[in-house]
Amino acid sequence: MNLNELIKTKRNAANLTQPELAEKAGVGLRFVRELEQGKETLRLDKVNQVLQLFGFRIGAVPINRNTDAK
């Protein structure tokens, strides 16, 4: 599941509208819309503000460089 799909699924499960989510997360409505549309360049701190409402957070994940890329 992509980040935008996760946010939309969690928002709908919480019965929140986009404006309600924006208000609760302390971000703008435009940001929520862009996040749910899958915009590729978003501020990480704001993404984490939204994710925090659902018990998630984005962070650095190590890459296993020993596996073959396909």
C-alpha atoms as a PDB file:
ATOM      1  CA  MET A   1       0.000   0.000   0.000  1.00  0.00           C
ATOM      2  CA  ASN A   2       1.340   3.424  -0.927  1.00  0.00           C
ATOM      3  CA  LEU A   3       1.488   6.299   1.534  1.00  0.00           C
ATOM      4  CA  ASN A   4      -1.351   8.170  -0.164  1.00  0.00           C
ATOM      5  CA  GLU A   5      -3.558   5.063  -0.028  1.00  0.00           C
ATOM      6  CA  LEU A   6      -2.718   4.510   3.644  1.00  0.00           C
ATOM      7  CA  ILE A   7      -3.655   8.070   4.588  1.00  0.00           C
ATOM      8  CA  LYS A   8      -6.923   7.956   2.671  1.00  0.00           C
ATOM      9  CA  THR A   9      -7.843   4.535   4.088  1.00  0.00           C
ATOM     10  CA  LYS A  10      -7.087   5.600   7.664  1.00  0.00           C
ATOM     11  CA  ARG A  11      -8.936   8.898   7.229  1.00  0.00           C
ATOM     12  CA  ASN A  12     -12.021   7.152   5.885  1.00  0.00           C
ATOM     13  CA  ALA A  13     -11.884   4.524   8.653  1.00  0.00           C
ATOM     14  CA  ALA A  14     -11.845   7.361  11.200  1.00  0.00           C
ATOM     15  CA  ASN A  15     -14.826   8.977   9.446  1.00  0.00           C
ATOM     16  CA  LEU A  16     -12.887  12.183   8.861  1.00  0.00           C
ATOM     17  CA  THR A  17     -13.225  14.553   5.948  1.00  0.00           C
ATOM     18  CA  GLN A  18     -10.103  16.045   4.427  1.00  0.00           C
ATOM     19  CA  PRO A  19     -10.765  19.406   6.150  1.00  0.00           C
ATOM     20  CA  GLU A  20     -11.238  17.649   9.502  1.00  0.00           C
ATOM     21  CA  LEU A  21      -7.992  15.709   9.082  1.00  0.00           C
ATOM     22  CA  ALA A  22      -6.126  18.867   8.151  1.00  0.00           C
ATOM     23  CA  GLU A  23      -7.417  20.646  11.248  1.00  0.00           C
ATOM     24  CA  LYS A  24      -6.646  17.768  13.614  1.00  0.00           C
ATOM     25  CA  ALA A  25      -3.133  17.337  12.183  1.00  0.00           C
ATOM     26  CA  GLY A  26      -2.387  21.048  12.125  1.00  0.00           C
ATOM     27  CA  VAL A  27      -1.694  21.158   8.399  1.00  0.00           C
ATOM     28  CA  GLY A  28      -3.428  22.868   5.523  1.00  0.00           C
ATOM     29  CA  LEU A  29      -6.235  21.352   3.491  1.00  0.00           C
ATOM     30  CA  ARG A  30      -4.150  21.705   0.333  1.00  0.00           C
ATOM     31  CA  PHE A  31      -1.406  19.613   1.961  1.00  0.00           C
ATOM     32  CA  VAL A  32      -3.853  16.808   2.806  1.00  0.00           C
ATOM     33  CA  ARG A  33      -5.220  16.836  -0.735  1.00  0.00           C
ATOM     34  CA  GLU A  34      -1.736  16.688  -2.242  1.00  0.00           C
ATOM     35  CA  LEU A  35      -0.743  13.923   0.173  1.00  0.00           C
ATOM     36  CA  GLU A  36      -3.760  11.810  -0.775  1.00  0.00           C
ATOM     37  CA  GLN A  37      -3.137  12.455  -4.473  1.00  0.00           C
ATOM     38  CA  GLY A  38       0.374  11.053  -4.137  1.00  0.00           C
ATOM     39  CA  LYS A  39       2.394  14.206  -4.690  1.00  0.00           C
ATOM     40  CA  GLU A  40       6.039  13.167  -4.647  1.00  0.00           C
ATOM     41  CA  THR A  41       7.533  16.255  -3.004  1.00  0.00           C
ATOM     42  CA  LEU A  42       6.068  16.926   0.425  1.00  0.00           C
ATOM     43  CA  ARG A  43       7.562  18.140   3.683  1.00  0.00           C
ATOM     44  CA  LEU A  44       8.432  15.141   5.818  1.00  0.00           C
ATOM     45  CA  ASP A  45       7.613  16.908   9.084  1.00  0.00           C
ATOM     46  CA  LYS A  46       4.086  17.611   7.870  1.00  0.00           C
ATOM     47  CA  VAL A  47       3.652  14.048   6.597  1.00  0.00           C
ATOM     48  CA  ASN A  48       4.593  12.831  10.078  1.00  0.00           C
ATOM     49  CA  GLN A  49       2.091  15.254  11.658  1.00  0.00           C
ATOM     50  CA  VAL A  50      -0.673  13.541   9.684  1.00  0.00           C
ATOM     51  CA  LEU A  51       0.651  10.015  10.237  1.00  0.00           C
ATOM     52  CA  GLN A  52       0.959  10.602  13.991  1.00  0.00           C
ATOM     53  CA  LEU A  53      -2.835  10.773  14.256  1.00  0.00           C
ATOM     54  CA  PHE A  54      -2.982   7.158  13.088  1.00  0.00           C
ATOM     55  CA  GLY A  55      -0.032   5.841  15.079  1.00  0.00           C
ATOM     56  CA  PHE A  56       2.522   5.895  12.255  1.00  0.00           C
ATOM     57  CA  ARG A  57       5.702   7.743  11.426  1.00  0.00           C
ATOM     58  CA  ILE A  58       8.061   7.890   8.458  1.00  0.00           C
ATOM     59  CA  GLY A  59      11.744   7.501   9.135  1.00  0.00           C
ATOM     60  CA  ALA A  60      15.009   6.262   7.711  1.00  0.00           C
ATOM     61  CA  VAL A  61      14.992   2.601   6.770  1.00  0.00           C
ATOM     62  CA  PRO A  62      18.263   0.780   6.097  1.00  0.00           C
ATOM     63  CA  ILE A  63      18.744  -0.622   2.620  1.00  0.00           C
ATOM     64  CA  ASN A  64      20.147  -4.116   2.328  1.00  0.00           C
ATOM     65  CA  ARG A  65      22.824  -3.553  -0.293  1.00  0.00           C
ATOM     66  CA  ASN A  66      23.802  -7.219  -0.348  1.00  0.00           C
ATOM     67  CA  THR A  67      20.748  -8.319  -2.322  1.00  0.00           C
ATOM     68  CA  ASP A  68      20.655  -8.240  -6.088  1.00  0.00           C
ATOM     69  CA  ALA A  69      18.551  -5.449  -7.565  1.00  0.00           C
ATOM     70  CA  LYS A  70      16.108  -6.736 -10.168  1.00  0.00           C
END
